[in-house]
Amino acid sequence: MRVRLIGGESGGDGSPRVYVTESEPPRYAVQGWLTNDPDTVEIPHRLLWFTEPGTCISGLRDTGHGSFLLSGEPLTDAEALETMQIPAHETAVLVPIGQEVRQDAPASRR
């Protein structure tokens, strides 16, 4: 599966990061810190700034210390993992790309 880097932190290893898959349907591949659950990564709040305009990620749980826990499907695709070059203290999950719905948007956009 091919992935395209959207953005991420610029310090250290340049991670955590957000990628978009070139699969149908496209999904976000979210690289974050390891947790005790293989289906869950921890990501900094500011990582959400890198999602594509008009989209969102659902299923976030706030840790209360500047990060979220995000659950999804563990990323196991060899091609994607080769592209992402994830350090040993991190992993990645695949999550659906949601469409942002703003309550102040015109009714035609809700």
PDB file of N, CA and C in Angstrom:
ATOM      1  N   MET A   1       0.849  -1.169   0.000  1.00  0.00           N
ATOM      2  CA  MET A   1       0.000   0.000   0.000  1.00  0.00           C
ATOM      3  C   MET A   1       0.898   1.236   0.000  1.00  0.00           C
ATOM      4  N   ARG A   2       0.600   2.145  -0.869  1.00  0.00           N
ATOM      5  CA  ARG A   2       1.362   3.384  -0.932  1.00  0.00           C
ATOM      6  C   ARG A   2       0.775   4.385   0.058  1.00  0.00           C
ATOM      7  N   VAL A   3       1.671   5.150   0.686  1.00  0.00           N
ATOM      8  CA  VAL A   3       1.258   6.206   1.597  1.00  0.00           C
ATOM      9  C   VAL A   3       1.971   7.496   1.204  1.00  0.00           C
ATOM     10  N   ARG A   4       1.300   8.608   1.504  1.00  0.00           N
ATOM     11  CA  ARG A   4       1.863   9.934   1.212  1.00  0.00           C
ATOM     12  C   ARG A   4       1.904  10.723   2.510  1.00  0.00           C
ATOM     13  N   LEU A   5       3.075  11.260   2.845  1.00  0.00           N
ATOM     14  CA  LEU A   5       3.236  12.059   4.043  1.00  0.00           C
ATOM     15  C   LEU A   5       2.445  13.356   3.916  1.00  0.00           C
ATOM     16  N   ILE A   6       1.633  13.642   4.933  1.00  0.00           N
ATOM     17  CA  ILE A   6       0.911  14.913   4.989  1.00  0.00           C
ATOM     18  C   ILE A   6       1.663  15.882   5.887  1.00  0.00           C
ATOM     19  N   GLY A   7       2.137  15.398   7.034  1.00  0.00           N
ATOM     20  CA  GLY A   7       2.894  16.261   7.927  1.00  0.00           C
ATOM     21  C   GLY A   7       3.116  15.630   9.274  1.00  0.00           C
ATOM     22  N   GLY A   8       3.902  16.337  10.083  1.00  0.00           N
ATOM     23  CA  GLY A   8       4.181  15.852  11.419  1.00  0.00           C
ATOM     24  C   GLY A   8       5.168  16.747  12.123  1.00  0.00           C
ATOM     25  N   GLU A   9       5.581  16.308  13.263  1.00  0.00           N
ATOM     26  CA  GLU A   9       6.520  17.051  14.083  1.00  0.00           C
ATOM     27  C   GLU A   9       7.849  17.220  13.345  1.00  0.00           C
ATOM     28  N   SER A  10       8.550  18.297  13.639  1.00  0.00           N
ATOM     29  CA  SER A  10       9.814  18.530  12.948  1.00  0.00           C
ATOM     30  C   SER A  10      11.022  18.177  13.804  1.00  0.00           C
ATOM     31  N   GLY A  11      10.835  17.909  15.092  1.00  0.00           N
ATOM     32  CA  GLY A  11      11.959  17.607  15.964  1.00  0.00           C
ATOM     33  C   GLY A  11      12.279  16.131  16.016  1.00  0.00           C
ATOM     34  N   GLY A  12      13.432  15.812  16.557  1.00  0.00           N
ATOM     35  CA  GLY A  12      13.832  14.414  16.743  1.00  0.00           C
ATOM     36  C   GLY A  12      13.800  13.638  15.450  1.00  0.00           C
ATOM     37  N   ASP A  13      13.046  12.544  15.448  1.00  0.00           N
ATOM     38  CA  ASP A  13      12.921  11.716  14.253  1.00  0.00           C
ATOM     39  C   ASP A  13      11.876  12.258  13.282  1.00  0.00           C
ATOM     40  N   GLY A  14      11.318  13.449  13.578  1.00  0.00           N
ATOM     41  CA  GLY A  14      10.290  14.001  12.710  1.00  0.00           C
ATOM     42  C   GLY A  14       8.961  13.312  12.896  1.00  0.00           C
ATOM     43  N   SER A  15       8.722  12.800  14.067  1.00  0.00           N
ATOM     44  CA  SER A  15       7.476  12.070  14.281  1.00  0.00           C
ATOM     45  C   SER A  15       6.915  12.437  15.641  1.00  0.00           C
ATOM     46  N   PRO A  16       5.669  12.123  15.897  1.00  0.00           N
ATOM     47  CA  PRO A  16       4.685  11.404  15.105  1.00  0.00           C
ATOM     48  C   PRO A  16       4.314  12.132  13.810  1.00  0.00           C
ATOM     49  N   ARG A  17       3.696  11.384  12.917  1.00  0.00           N
ATOM     50  CA  ARG A  17       3.348  11.914  11.596  1.00  0.00           C
ATOM     51  C   ARG A  17       1.986  11.400  11.155  1.00  0.00           C
ATOM     52  N   VAL A  18       1.415  12.105  10.167  1.00  0.00           N
ATOM     53  CA  VAL A  18       0.161  11.681   9.547  1.00  0.00           C
ATOM     54  C   VAL A  18       0.429  11.456   8.064  1.00  0.00           C
ATOM     55  N   TYR A  19      -0.035  10.317   7.566  1.00  0.00           N
ATOM     56  CA  TYR A  19       0.050   9.961   6.150  1.00  0.00           C
ATOM     57  C   TYR A  19      -1.363   9.700   5.650  1.00  0.00           C
ATOM     58  N   VAL A  20      -1.548   9.744   4.338  1.00  0.00           N
ATOM     59  CA  VAL A  20      -2.807   9.317   3.746  1.00  0.00           C
ATOM     60  C   VAL A  20      -2.477   8.140   2.829  1.00  0.00           C
ATOM     61  N   THR A  21      -3.319   7.119   2.857  1.00  0.00           N
ATOM     62  CA  THR A  21      -3.087   5.945   2.015  1.00  0.00           C
ATOM     63  C   THR A  21      -3.623   6.221   0.611  1.00  0.00           C
ATOM     64  N   GLU A  22      -3.057   5.543  -0.350  1.00  0.00           N
ATOM     65  CA  GLU A  22      -3.534   5.634  -1.728  1.00  0.00           C
ATOM     66  C   GLU A  22      -4.384   4.412  -2.049  1.00  0.00           C
ATOM     67  N   SER A  23      -5.159   3.976  -1.080  1.00  0.00           N
ATOM     68  CA  SER A  23      -6.053   2.833  -1.245  1.00  0.00           C
ATOM     69  C   SER A  23      -7.481   3.342  -1.381  1.00  0.00           C
ATOM     70  N   GLU A  24      -8.409   2.458  -1.690  1.00  0.00           N
ATOM     71  CA  GLU A  24      -9.826   2.819  -1.768  1.00  0.00           C
ATOM     72  C   GLU A  24     -10.586   2.105  -0.679  1.00  0.00           C
ATOM     73  N   PRO A  25     -11.252   2.793   0.185  1.00  0.00           N
ATOM     74  CA  PRO A  25     -11.196   4.246   0.314  1.00  0.00           C
ATOM     75  C   PRO A  25      -9.885   4.661   0.970  1.00  0.00           C
ATOM     76  N   PRO A  26      -9.451   5.903   0.717  1.00  0.00           N
ATOM     77  CA  PRO A  26      -8.238   6.365   1.398  1.00  0.00           C
ATOM     78  C   PRO A  26      -8.480   6.433   2.905  1.00  0.00           C
ATOM     79  N   ARG A  27      -7.422   6.213   3.658  1.00  0.00           N
ATOM     80  CA  ARG A  27      -7.485   6.313   5.116  1.00  0.00           C
ATOM     81  C   ARG A  27      -6.261   7.076   5.593  1.00  0.00           C
ATOM     82  N   TYR A  28      -6.339   7.550   6.825  1.00  0.00           N
ATOM     83  CA  TYR A  28      -5.154   8.126   7.444  1.00  0.00           C
ATOM     84  C   TYR A  28      -4.337   7.002   8.065  1.00  0.00           C
ATOM     85  N   ALA A  29      -3.034   7.032   7.856  1.00  0.00           N
ATOM     86  CA  ALA A  29      -2.085   6.188   8.566  1.00  0.00           C
ATOM     87  C   ALA A  29      -1.421   7.118   9.577  1.00  0.00           C
ATOM     88  N   VAL A  30      -1.707   6.902  10.852  1.00  0.00           N
ATOM     89  CA  VAL A  30      -1.246   7.801  11.902  1.00  0.00           C
ATOM     90  C   VAL A  30      -0.141   7.114  12.696  1.00  0.00           C
ATOM     91  N   GLN A  31       1.033   7.716  12.668  1.00  0.00           N
ATOM     92  CA  GLN A  31       2.209   7.213  13.363  1.00  0.00           C
ATOM     93  C   GLN A  31       2.281   7.901  14.724  1.00  0.00           C
ATOM     94  N   GLY A  32       2.354   7.100  15.781  1.00  0.00           N
ATOM     95  CA  GLY A  32       2.417   7.663  17.124  1.00  0.00           C
ATOM     96  C   GLY A  32       3.200   6.780  18.060  1.00  0.00           C
ATOM     97  N   TRP A  33       3.233   7.194  19.301  1.00  0.00           N
ATOM     98  CA  TRP A  33       3.992   6.470  20.322  1.00  0.00           C
ATOM     99  C   TRP A  33       3.284   5.181  20.720  1.00  0.00           C
ATOM    100  N   LEU A  34       4.072   4.162  20.989  1.00  0.00           N
ATOM    101  CA  LEU A  34       3.546   2.877  21.439  1.00  0.00           C
ATOM    102  C   LEU A  34       2.758   3.027  22.740  1.00  0.00           C
ATOM    103  N   THR A  35       1.722   2.210  22.868  1.00  0.00           N
ATOM    104  CA  THR A  35       0.952   2.101  24.117  1.00  0.00           C
ATOM    105  C   THR A  35       0.897   0.620  24.474  1.00  0.00           C
ATOM    106  N   ASN A  36       0.201   0.274  25.521  1.00  0.00           N
ATOM    107  CA  ASN A  36       0.055  -1.136  25.905  1.00  0.00           C
ATOM    108  C   ASN A  36      -0.911  -1.894  25.004  1.00  0.00           C
ATOM    109  N   ASP A  37      -1.624  -1.174  24.133  1.00  0.00           N
ATOM    110  CA  ASP A  37      -2.615  -1.771  23.233  1.00  0.00           C
ATOM    111  C   ASP A  37      -2.105  -1.653  21.796  1.00  0.00           C
ATOM    112  N   PRO A  38      -1.920  -2.758  21.061  1.00  0.00           N
ATOM    113  CA  PRO A  38      -1.403  -2.685  19.686  1.00  0.00           C
ATOM    114  C   PRO A  38      -2.338  -1.962  18.715  1.00  0.00           C
ATOM    115  N   ASP A  39      -3.610  -1.779  19.109  1.00  0.00           N
ATOM    116  CA  ASP A  39      -4.568  -1.057  18.267  1.00  0.00           C
ATOM    117  C   ASP A  39      -4.590   0.440  18.565  1.00  0.00           C
ATOM    118  N   THR A  40      -3.737   0.911  19.473  1.00  0.00           N
ATOM    119  CA  THR A  40      -3.797   2.292  19.939  1.00  0.00           C
ATOM    120  C   THR A  40      -2.422   2.945  19.911  1.00  0.00           C
ATOM    121  N   VAL A  41      -2.380   4.186  19.430  1.00  0.00           N
ATOM    122  CA  VAL A  41      -1.174   5.011  19.483  1.00  0.00           C
ATOM    123  C   VAL A  41      -1.482   6.263  20.292  1.00  0.00           C
ATOM    124  N   GLU A  42      -0.440   6.879  20.817  1.00  0.00           N
ATOM    125  CA  GLU A  42      -0.580   8.170  21.490  1.00  0.00           C
ATOM    126  C   GLU A  42       0.041   9.224  20.584  1.00  0.00           C
ATOM    127  N   ILE A  43      -0.694  10.319  20.377  1.00  0.00           N
ATOM    128  CA  ILE A  43      -0.231  11.390  19.493  1.00  0.00           C
ATOM    129  C   ILE A  43      -0.393  12.731  20.198  1.00  0.00           C
ATOM    130  N   PRO A  44       0.471  13.709  19.878  1.00  0.00           N
ATOM    131  CA  PRO A  44       0.299  15.036  20.462  1.00  0.00           C
ATOM    132  C   PRO A  44      -0.919  15.735  19.856  1.00  0.00           C
ATOM    133  N   HIS A  45      -1.573  16.571  20.641  1.00  0.00           N
ATOM    134  CA  HIS A  45      -2.723  17.328  20.131  1.00  0.00           C
ATOM    135  C   HIS A  45      -2.393  18.017  18.813  1.00  0.00           C
ATOM    136  N   ARG A  46      -1.232  18.655  18.747  1.00  0.00           N
ATOM    137  CA  ARG A  46      -0.886  19.466  17.570  1.00  0.00           C
ATOM    138  C   ARG A  46      -0.730  18.655  16.282  1.00  0.00           C
ATOM    139  N   LEU A  47      -0.666  17.334  16.369  1.00  0.00           N
ATOM    140  CA  LEU A  47      -0.561  16.529  15.146  1.00  0.00           C
ATOM    141  C   LEU A  47      -1.802  16.677  14.280  1.00  0.00           C
ATOM    142  N   LEU A  48      -2.944  16.954  14.892  1.00  0.00           N
ATOM    143  CA  LEU A  48      -4.185  17.107  14.125  1.00  0.00           C
ATOM    144  C   LEU A  48      -4.138  18.295  13.175  1.00  0.00           C
ATOM    145  N   TRP A  49      -3.246  19.237  13.394  1.00  0.00           N
ATOM    146  CA  TRP A  49      -3.100  20.374  12.482  1.00  0.00           C
ATOM    147  C   TRP A  49      -2.736  19.913  11.077  1.00  0.00           C
ATOM    148  N   PHE A  50      -2.163  18.740  10.954  1.00  0.00           N
ATOM    149  CA  PHE A  50      -1.667  18.266   9.665  1.00  0.00           C
ATOM    150  C   PHE A  50      -2.705  17.494   8.853  1.00  0.00           C
ATOM    151  N   THR A  51      -3.886  17.246   9.412  1.00  0.00           N
ATOM    152  CA  THR A  51      -4.905  16.568   8.615  1.00  0.00           C
ATOM    153  C   THR A  51      -5.331  17.482   7.470  1.00  0.00           C
ATOM    154  N   GLU A  52      -5.855  16.889   6.410  1.00  0.00           N
ATOM    155  CA  GLU A  52      -6.240  17.672   5.236  1.00  0.00           C
ATOM    156  C   GLU A  52      -7.462  18.538   5.546  1.00  0.00           C
ATOM    157  N   PRO A  53      -7.511  19.748   4.985  1.00  0.00           N
ATOM    158  CA  PRO A  53      -8.636  20.663   5.238  1.00  0.00           C
ATOM    159  C   PRO A  53      -9.980  19.989   4.958  1.00  0.00           C
ATOM    160  N   GLY A  54     -10.946  20.221   5.862  1.00  0.00           N
ATOM    161  CA  GLY A  54     -12.281  19.671   5.689  1.00  0.00           C
ATOM    162  C   GLY A  54     -12.435  18.238   6.162  1.00  0.00           C
ATOM    163  N   THR A  55     -11.357  17.662   6.725  1.00  0.00           N
ATOM    164  CA  THR A  55     -11.424  16.286   7.217  1.00  0.00           C
ATOM    165  C   THR A  55     -11.196  16.262   8.720  1.00  0.00           C
ATOM    166  N   CYS A  56     -11.441  15.098   9.309  1.00  0.00           N
ATOM    167  CA  CYS A  56     -11.216  14.936  10.741  1.00  0.00           C
ATOM    168  C   CYS A  56     -10.884  13.484  11.048  1.00  0.00           C
ATOM    169  N   ILE A  57     -10.398  13.284  12.260  1.00  0.00           N
ATOM    170  CA  ILE A  57     -10.121  11.951  12.783  1.00  0.00           C
ATOM    171  C   ILE A  57     -11.023  11.753  13.986  1.00  0.00           C
ATOM    172  N   SER A  58     -11.795  10.692  13.979  1.00  0.00           N
ATOM    173  CA  SER A  58     -12.669  10.437  15.126  1.00  0.00           C
ATOM    174  C   SER A  58     -12.055   9.361  16.009  1.00  0.00           C
ATOM    175  N   GLY A  59     -12.613   9.203  17.198  1.00  0.00           N
ATOM    176  CA  GLY A  59     -12.158   8.164  18.101  1.00  0.00           C
ATOM    177  C   GLY A  59     -10.986   8.565  18.964  1.00  0.00           C
ATOM    178  N   LEU A  60     -10.766   9.864  19.122  1.00  0.00           N
ATOM    179  CA  LEU A  60      -9.670  10.337  19.963  1.00  0.00           C
ATOM    180  C   LEU A  60     -10.106  10.391  21.420  1.00  0.00           C
ATOM    181  N   ARG A  61      -9.206  10.004  22.311  1.00  0.00           N
ATOM    182  CA  ARG A  61      -9.450  10.114  23.749  1.00  0.00           C
ATOM    183  C   ARG A  61      -8.342  10.972  24.345  1.00  0.00           C
ATOM    184  N   ASP A  62      -8.722  12.078  24.967  1.00  0.00           N
ATOM    185  CA  ASP A  62      -7.755  13.020  25.532  1.00  0.00           C
ATOM    186  C   ASP A  62      -7.098  12.418  26.776  1.00  0.00           C
ATOM    187  N   THR A  63      -5.774  12.476  26.845  1.00  0.00           N
ATOM    188  CA  THR A  63      -5.043  11.953  27.994  1.00  0.00           C
ATOM    189  C   THR A  63      -4.988  12.947  29.142  1.00  0.00           C
ATOM    190  N   GLY A  64      -5.277  14.213  28.856  1.00  0.00           N
ATOM    191  CA  GLY A  64      -5.188  15.247  29.875  1.00  0.00           C
ATOM    192  C   GLY A  64      -3.801  15.839  30.019  1.00  0.00           C
ATOM    193  N   HIS A  65      -2.854  15.420  29.183  1.00  0.00           N
ATOM    194  CA  HIS A  65      -1.503  15.990  29.258  1.00  0.00           C
ATOM    195  C   HIS A  65      -0.944  16.329  27.873  1.00  0.00           C
ATOM    196  N   GLY A  66      -1.822  16.869  27.013  1.00  0.00           N
ATOM    197  CA  GLY A  66      -1.368  17.359  25.708  1.00  0.00           C
ATOM    198  C   GLY A  66      -1.316  16.320  24.609  1.00  0.00           C
ATOM    199  N   SER A  67      -1.929  15.175  24.844  1.00  0.00           N
ATOM    200  CA  SER A  67      -1.928  14.145  23.810  1.00  0.00           C
ATOM    201  C   SER A  67      -3.270  13.432  23.782  1.00  0.00           C
ATOM    202  N   PHE A  68      -3.472  12.704  22.690  1.00  0.00           N
ATOM    203  CA  PHE A  68      -4.661  11.878  22.522  1.00  0.00           C
ATOM    204  C   PHE A  68      -4.245  10.427  22.395  1.00  0.00           C
ATOM    205  N   LEU A  69      -5.126   9.512  22.775  1.00  0.00           N
ATOM    206  CA  LEU A  69      -5.011   8.105  22.423  1.00  0.00           C
ATOM    207  C   LEU A  69      -5.923   7.891  21.224  1.00  0.00           C
ATOM    208  N   LEU A  70      -5.411   7.238  20.197  1.00  0.00           N
ATOM    209  CA  LEU A  70      -6.150   6.997  18.964  1.00  0.00           C
ATOM    210  C   LEU A  70      -6.128   5.509  18.652  1.00  0.00           C
ATOM    211  N   SER A  71      -7.305   4.927  18.522  1.00  0.00           N
ATOM    212  CA  SER A  71      -7.407   3.501  18.201  1.00  0.00           C
ATOM    213  C   SER A  71      -7.760   3.318  16.737  1.00  0.00           C
ATOM    214  N   GLY A  72      -7.198   2.279  16.140  1.00  0.00           N
ATOM    215  CA  GLY A  72      -7.459   1.963  14.742  1.00  0.00           C
ATOM    216  C   GLY A  72      -6.943   0.568  14.431  1.00  0.00           C
ATOM    217  N   GLU A  73      -6.844   0.290  13.160  1.00  0.00           N
ATOM    218  CA  GLU A  73      -6.315  -0.998  12.686  1.00  0.00           C
ATOM    219  C   GLU A  73      -4.794  -0.913  12.633  1.00  0.00           C
ATOM    220  N   PRO A  74      -4.074  -1.806  13.311  1.00  0.00           N
ATOM    221  CA  PRO A  74      -2.611  -1.751  13.251  1.00  0.00           C
ATOM    222  C   PRO A  74      -2.116  -1.825  11.800  1.00  0.00           C
ATOM    223  N   LEU A  75      -1.178  -0.979  11.472  1.00  0.00           N
ATOM    224  CA  LEU A  75      -0.602  -0.964  10.120  1.00  0.00           C
ATOM    225  C   LEU A  75       0.444  -2.069  10.020  1.00  0.00           C
ATOM    226  N   THR A  76       0.234  -2.993   9.084  1.00  0.00           N
ATOM    227  CA  THR A  76       1.158  -4.119   8.904  1.00  0.00           C
ATOM    228  C   THR A  76       1.701  -4.210   7.484  1.00  0.00           C
ATOM    229  N   ASP A  77       1.238  -3.354   6.578  1.00  0.00           N
ATOM    230  CA  ASP A  77       1.640  -3.420   5.173  1.00  0.00           C
ATOM    231  C   ASP A  77       3.133  -3.089   5.031  1.00  0.00           C
ATOM    232  N   ALA A  78       3.887  -3.997   4.434  1.00  0.00           N
ATOM    233  CA  ALA A  78       5.341  -3.850   4.316  1.00  0.00           C
ATOM    234  C   ALA A  78       5.746  -2.621   3.513  1.00  0.00           C
ATOM    235  N   GLU A  79       5.062  -2.361   2.406  1.00  0.00           N
ATOM    236  CA  GLU A  79       5.413  -1.204   1.572  1.00  0.00           C
ATOM    237  C   GLU A  79       5.214   0.104   2.344  1.00  0.00           C
ATOM    238  N   ALA A  80       4.095   0.217   3.039  1.00  0.00           N
ATOM    239  CA  ALA A  80       3.823   1.418   3.830  1.00  0.00           C
ATOM    240  C   ALA A  80       4.848   1.581   4.947  1.00  0.00           C
ATOM    241  N   LEU A  81       5.145   0.501   5.646  1.00  0.00           N
ATOM    242  CA  LEU A  81       6.107   0.569   6.742  1.00  0.00           C
ATOM    243  C   LEU A  81       7.494   0.945   6.251  1.00  0.00           C
ATOM    244  N   GLU A  82       7.875   0.464   5.075  1.00  0.00           N
ATOM    245  CA  GLU A  82       9.173   0.827   4.485  1.00  0.00           C
ATOM    246  C   GLU A  82       9.236   2.330   4.205  1.00  0.00           C
ATOM    247  N   THR A  83       8.167   2.866   3.665  1.00  0.00           N
ATOM    248  CA  THR A  83       8.106   4.301   3.375  1.00  0.00           C
ATOM    249  C   THR A  83       8.172   5.127   4.654  1.00  0.00           C
ATOM    250  N   MET A  84       7.451   4.695   5.677  1.00  0.00           N
ATOM    251  CA  MET A  84       7.320   5.473   6.902  1.00  0.00           C
ATOM    252  C   MET A  84       8.555   5.411   7.802  1.00  0.00           C
ATOM    253  N   GLN A  85       9.335   4.337   7.747  1.00  0.00           N
ATOM    254  CA  GLN A  85      10.548   4.210   8.567  1.00  0.00           C
ATOM    255  C   GLN A  85      10.273   4.563  10.029  1.00  0.00           C
ATOM    256  N   ILE A  86       9.371   3.832  10.651  1.00  0.00           N
ATOM    257  CA  ILE A  86       8.918   4.114  12.015  1.00  0.00           C
ATOM    258  C   ILE A  86       9.981   3.672  13.025  1.00  0.00           C
ATOM    259  N   PRO A  87      10.358   4.573  13.953  1.00  0.00           N
ATOM    260  CA  PRO A  87      11.322   4.174  14.979  1.00  0.00           C
ATOM    261  C   PRO A  87      10.726   3.133  15.937  1.00  0.00           C
ATOM    262  N   ALA A  88      11.586   2.438  16.665  1.00  0.00           N
ATOM    263  CA  ALA A  88      11.173   1.314  17.513  1.00  0.00           C
ATOM    264  C   ALA A  88      10.213   1.716  18.634  1.00  0.00           C
ATOM    265  N   HIS A  89      10.209   2.972  19.079  1.00  0.00           N
ATOM    266  CA  HIS A  89       9.337   3.395  20.176  1.00  0.00           C
ATOM    267  C   HIS A  89       7.970   3.876  19.675  1.00  0.00           C
ATOM    268  N   GLU A  90       7.699   3.659  18.382  1.00  0.00           N
ATOM    269  CA  GLU A  90       6.439   4.082  17.778  1.00  0.00           C
ATOM    270  C   GLU A  90       5.817   2.955  16.966  1.00  0.00           C
ATOM    271  N   THR A  91       4.583   3.187  16.537  1.00  0.00           N
ATOM    272  CA  THR A  91       3.861   2.280  15.655  1.00  0.00           C
ATOM    273  C   THR A  91       2.852   3.128  14.883  1.00  0.00           C
ATOM    274  N   ALA A  92       2.016   2.494  14.065  1.00  0.00           N
ATOM    275  CA  ALA A  92       1.029   3.245  13.289  1.00  0.00           C
ATOM    276  C   ALA A  92      -0.279   2.467  13.215  1.00  0.00           C
ATOM    277  N   VAL A  93      -1.360   3.235  13.119  1.00  0.00           N
ATOM    278  CA  VAL A  93      -2.687   2.654  12.943  1.00  0.00           C
ATOM    279  C   VAL A  93      -3.369   3.317  11.749  1.00  0.00           C
ATOM    280  N   LEU A  94      -4.275   2.570  11.134  1.00  0.00           N
ATOM    281  CA  LEU A  94      -5.093   3.082  10.036  1.00  0.00           C
ATOM    282  C   LEU A  94      -6.453   3.481  10.590  1.00  0.00           C
ATOM    283  N   VAL A  95      -6.912   4.684  10.204  1.00  0.00           N
ATOM    284  CA  VAL A  95      -8.216   5.171  10.659  1.00  0.00           C
ATOM    285  C   VAL A  95      -8.958   5.781   9.477  1.00  0.00           C
ATOM    286  N   PRO A  96     -10.286   5.724   9.492  1.00  0.00           N
ATOM    287  CA  PRO A  96     -11.069   6.331   8.412  1.00  0.00           C
ATOM    288  C   PRO A  96     -10.860   7.842   8.389  1.00  0.00           C
ATOM    289  N   ILE A  97     -10.996   8.415   7.202  1.00  0.00           N
ATOM    290  CA  ILE A  97     -10.953   9.869   7.067  1.00  0.00           C
ATOM    291  C   ILE A  97     -12.378  10.379   7.171  1.00  0.00           C
ATOM    292  N   GLY A  98     -12.646  11.136   8.216  1.00  0.00           N
ATOM    293  CA  GLY A  98     -13.969  11.706   8.412  1.00  0.00           C
ATOM    294  C   GLY A  98     -14.087  13.062   7.735  1.00  0.00           C
ATOM    295  N   GLN A  99     -15.313  13.485   7.495  1.00  0.00           N
ATOM    296  CA  GLN A  99     -15.566  14.805   6.918  1.00  0.00           C
ATOM    297  C   GLN A  99     -15.969  15.752   8.035  1.00  0.00           C
ATOM    298  N   GLU A 100     -15.293  16.887   8.106  1.00  0.00           N
ATOM    299  CA  GLU A 100     -15.592  17.881   9.120  1.00  0.00           C
ATOM    300  C   GLU A 100     -16.994  18.453   8.902  1.00  0.00           C
ATOM    301  N   VAL A 101     -17.767  18.542   9.968  1.00  0.00           N
ATOM    302  CA  VAL A 101     -19.096  19.150   9.921  1.00  0.00           C
ATOM    303  C   VAL A 101     -19.108  20.230  10.995  1.00  0.00           C
ATOM    304  N   ARG A 102     -19.215  21.453  10.560  1.00  0.00           N
ATOM    305  CA  ARG A 102     -19.240  22.584  11.502  1.00  0.00           C
ATOM    306  C   ARG A 102     -20.677  23.033  11.743  1.00  0.00           C
ATOM    307  N   GLN A 103     -20.985  23.265  12.979  1.00  0.00           N
ATOM    308  CA  GLN A 103     -22.348  23.680  13.326  1.00  0.00           C
ATOM    309  C   GLN A 103     -22.690  25.056  12.785  1.00  0.00           C
ATOM    310  N   ASP A 104     -21.679  25.899  12.506  1.00  0.00           N
ATOM    311  CA  ASP A 104     -21.944  27.239  11.971  1.00  0.00           C
ATOM    312  C   ASP A 104     -21.908  27.266  10.436  1.00  0.00           C
ATOM    313  N   ALA A 105     -21.769  26.091   9.804  1.00  0.00           N
ATOM    314  CA  ALA A 105     -21.737  26.018   8.338  1.00  0.00           C
ATOM    315  C   ALA A 105     -23.165  26.122   7.799  1.00  0.00           C
ATOM    316  N   PRO A 106     -23.344  26.599   6.582  1.00  0.00           N
ATOM    317  CA  PRO A 106     -24.667  26.617   5.966  1.00  0.00           C
ATOM    318  C   PRO A 106     -25.251  25.205   5.949  1.00  0.00           C
ATOM    319  N   ALA A 107     -26.570  25.104   6.041  1.00  0.00           N
ATOM    320  CA  ALA A 107     -27.245  23.806   6.088  1.00  0.00           C
ATOM    321  C   ALA A 107     -26.849  22.902   4.920  1.00  0.00           C
ATOM    322  N   SER A 108     -26.549  23.469   3.762  1.00  0.00           N
ATOM    323  CA  SER A 108     -26.191  22.662   2.598  1.00  0.00           C
ATOM    324  C   SER A 108     -24.855  21.948   2.786  1.00  0.00           C
ATOM    325  N   ARG A 109     -24.022  22.400   3.736  1.00  0.00           N
ATOM    326  CA  ARG A 109     -22.707  21.790   3.960  1.00  0.00           C
ATOM    327  C   ARG A 109     -22.708  20.860   5.161  1.00  0.00           C
ATOM    328  N   ARG A 110     -23.833  20.692   5.857  1.00  0.00           N
ATOM    329  CA  ARG A 110     -23.885  19.812   7.037  1.00  0.00           C
ATOM    330  C   ARG A 110     -24.254  18.425   6.675  1.00  0.00           C
TER     331      ARG A 110
END
